């Protein structure tokens, strides 16, 4: 086959940066977790109290996902019971501007 007759295949998936961002953020609870962590380091119980509609399982899943994506870090302290704190990484802090803009949009249009 000559190179001037080559017709490329249509890609099955086209990378989308917005889709990548949403993949990092994960499910519906991520925005609320981030909102709370923008105010500083929080413990699991503090997060759960500030987001009363989230179940412990959903919160745990969200925190693990955000940790895997590098958005927050989890620090464990060897106390009885174990103390766990969550803090945003620079990658997580960088989302603050984006989420603030979404909040402003919602205030304007909803």
Protein backbone atom coordinates (compact mmCIF):
# COMPACT_ATOMS: atom_id res chain seq x y z
CA UNK A 1 0.00 0.00 0.00
CA UNK A 2 1.47 3.36 -0.94
CA UNK A 3 1.60 6.13 1.63
CA UNK A 4 -0.43 8.57 -0.49
CA UNK A 5 -3.42 6.16 -0.50
CA UNK A 6 -3.47 5.76 3.28
CA UNK A 7 -6.69 6.82 4.99
CA UNK A 8 -6.43 6.94 8.80
CA UNK A 9 -9.05 5.20 10.88
CA UNK A 10 -11.52 7.33 12.75
CA UNK A 11 -10.45 7.29 16.41
CA UNK A 12 -12.79 5.49 18.78
CA UNK A 13 -12.09 7.93 21.58
CA UNK A 14 -10.93 11.50 21.35
CA UNK A 15 -9.19 12.76 24.47
CA UNK A 16 -11.06 15.61 26.13
CA UNK A 17 -9.43 17.66 28.86
CA UNK A 18 -12.78 18.36 30.53
CA UNK A 19 -13.46 14.64 30.61
CA UNK A 20 -10.02 14.08 32.17
CA UNK A 21 -10.80 16.66 34.84
CA UNK A 22 -14.12 15.04 35.64
CA UNK A 23 -12.40 11.65 35.82
CA UNK A 24 -10.00 13.03 38.45
CA UNK A 25 -12.82 14.58 40.44
CA UNK A 26 -14.83 11.38 40.40
CA UNK A 27 -18.34 11.15 41.79
CA UNK A 28 -20.81 13.65 43.10
CA UNK A 29 -19.29 13.92 46.59
CA UNK A 30 -15.86 15.07 45.41
CA UNK A 31 -16.94 18.68 44.98
CA UNK A 32 -18.28 18.84 48.53
CA UNK A 33 -15.17 17.18 49.96
CA UNK A 34 -13.00 19.67 48.08
CA UNK A 35 -15.13 22.57 49.31
CA UNK A 36 -14.47 21.48 52.89
CA UNK A 37 -10.74 20.90 52.36
CA UNK A 38 -10.27 24.32 50.75
CA UNK A 39 -10.71 25.58 54.33
CA UNK A 40 -7.81 23.46 55.56
CA UNK A 41 -6.97 20.01 56.88
CA UNK A 42 -9.91 17.96 58.14
CA UNK A 43 -10.42 14.64 59.87
CA UNK A 44 -12.83 12.03 58.56
CA UNK A 45 -15.42 12.82 61.24
CA UNK A 46 -15.25 16.54 60.49
CA UNK A 47 -15.87 15.86 56.81
CA UNK A 48 -18.76 13.57 57.60
CA UNK A 49 -20.39 16.14 59.90
CA UNK A 50 -19.99 18.93 57.35
CA UNK A 51 -21.53 16.79 54.57
CA UNK A 52 -24.38 15.09 56.44
CA UNK A 53 -25.97 13.47 53.35
CA UNK A 54 -22.86 11.39 52.53
CA UNK A 55 -22.65 7.87 53.90
CA UNK A 56 -19.39 6.76 55.55
CA UNK A 57 -18.82 4.30 52.70
CA UNK A 58 -19.35 6.93 49.98
CA UNK A 59 -17.07 9.36 51.82
CA UNK A 60 -14.36 6.72 52.17
CA UNK A 61 -14.62 5.83 48.47
CA UNK A 62 -14.42 9.51 47.48
CA UNK A 63 -11.43 10.18 49.72
CA UNK A 64 -9.57 7.13 48.38
CA UNK A 65 -10.29 8.15 44.80
CA UNK A 66 -9.06 11.71 45.35
CA UNK A 67 -5.95 10.36 47.08
CA UNK A 68 -5.22 7.98 44.18
CA UNK A 69 -5.56 10.88 41.75
CA UNK A 70 -3.12 12.99 43.77
CA UNK A 71 -5.68 15.61 44.77
CA UNK A 72 -5.35 15.08 48.51
CA UNK A 73 -3.01 13.38 50.92
CA UNK A 74 -3.97 11.19 53.81
CA UNK A 75 -1.93 11.30 57.00
CA UNK A 76 -2.37 8.65 59.68
CA UNK A 77 -1.39 9.30 63.30
CA UNK A 78 -0.76 6.30 65.59
CA UNK A 79 -3.27 7.20 68.27
CA UNK A 80 -6.02 5.12 69.87
CA UNK A 81 -8.28 5.26 67.96
CA UNK A 82 -6.23 6.04 64.86
CA UNK A 83 -6.42 9.67 63.75
CA UNK A 84 -6.55 10.31 60.01
CA UNK A 85 -6.28 13.77 58.47
CA UNK A 86 -6.88 14.83 54.88
CA UNK A 87 -5.14 17.78 53.24
CA UNK A 88 -5.21 19.05 49.68
CA UNK A 89 -2.06 18.69 47.62
CA UNK A 90 -0.94 21.51 45.29
CA UNK A 91 -2.86 19.67 42.55
CA UNK A 92 -5.98 19.80 44.72
CA UNK A 93 -5.48 23.44 45.67
CA UNK A 94 -5.28 24.25 41.98
CA UNK A 95 -8.92 23.16 41.62
CA UNK A 96 -10.08 25.97 43.92
CA UNK A 97 -10.30 28.55 41.13
CA UNK A 98 -12.26 26.18 38.89
CA UNK A 99 -14.78 25.28 41.56
CA UNK A 100 -15.14 28.91 42.61
CA UNK A 101 -16.04 29.78 39.01
CA UNK A 102 -18.61 26.98 38.95
CA UNK A 103 -20.11 28.36 42.16
CA UNK A 104 -20.33 31.85 40.63
CA UNK A 105 -21.98 30.43 37.52
CA UNK A 106 -24.58 28.61 39.63
CA UNK A 107 -25.31 31.77 41.63
CA UNK A 108 -25.85 33.68 38.40
CA UNK A 109 -27.91 31.17 36.47
CA UNK A 110 -29.81 28.99 38.92
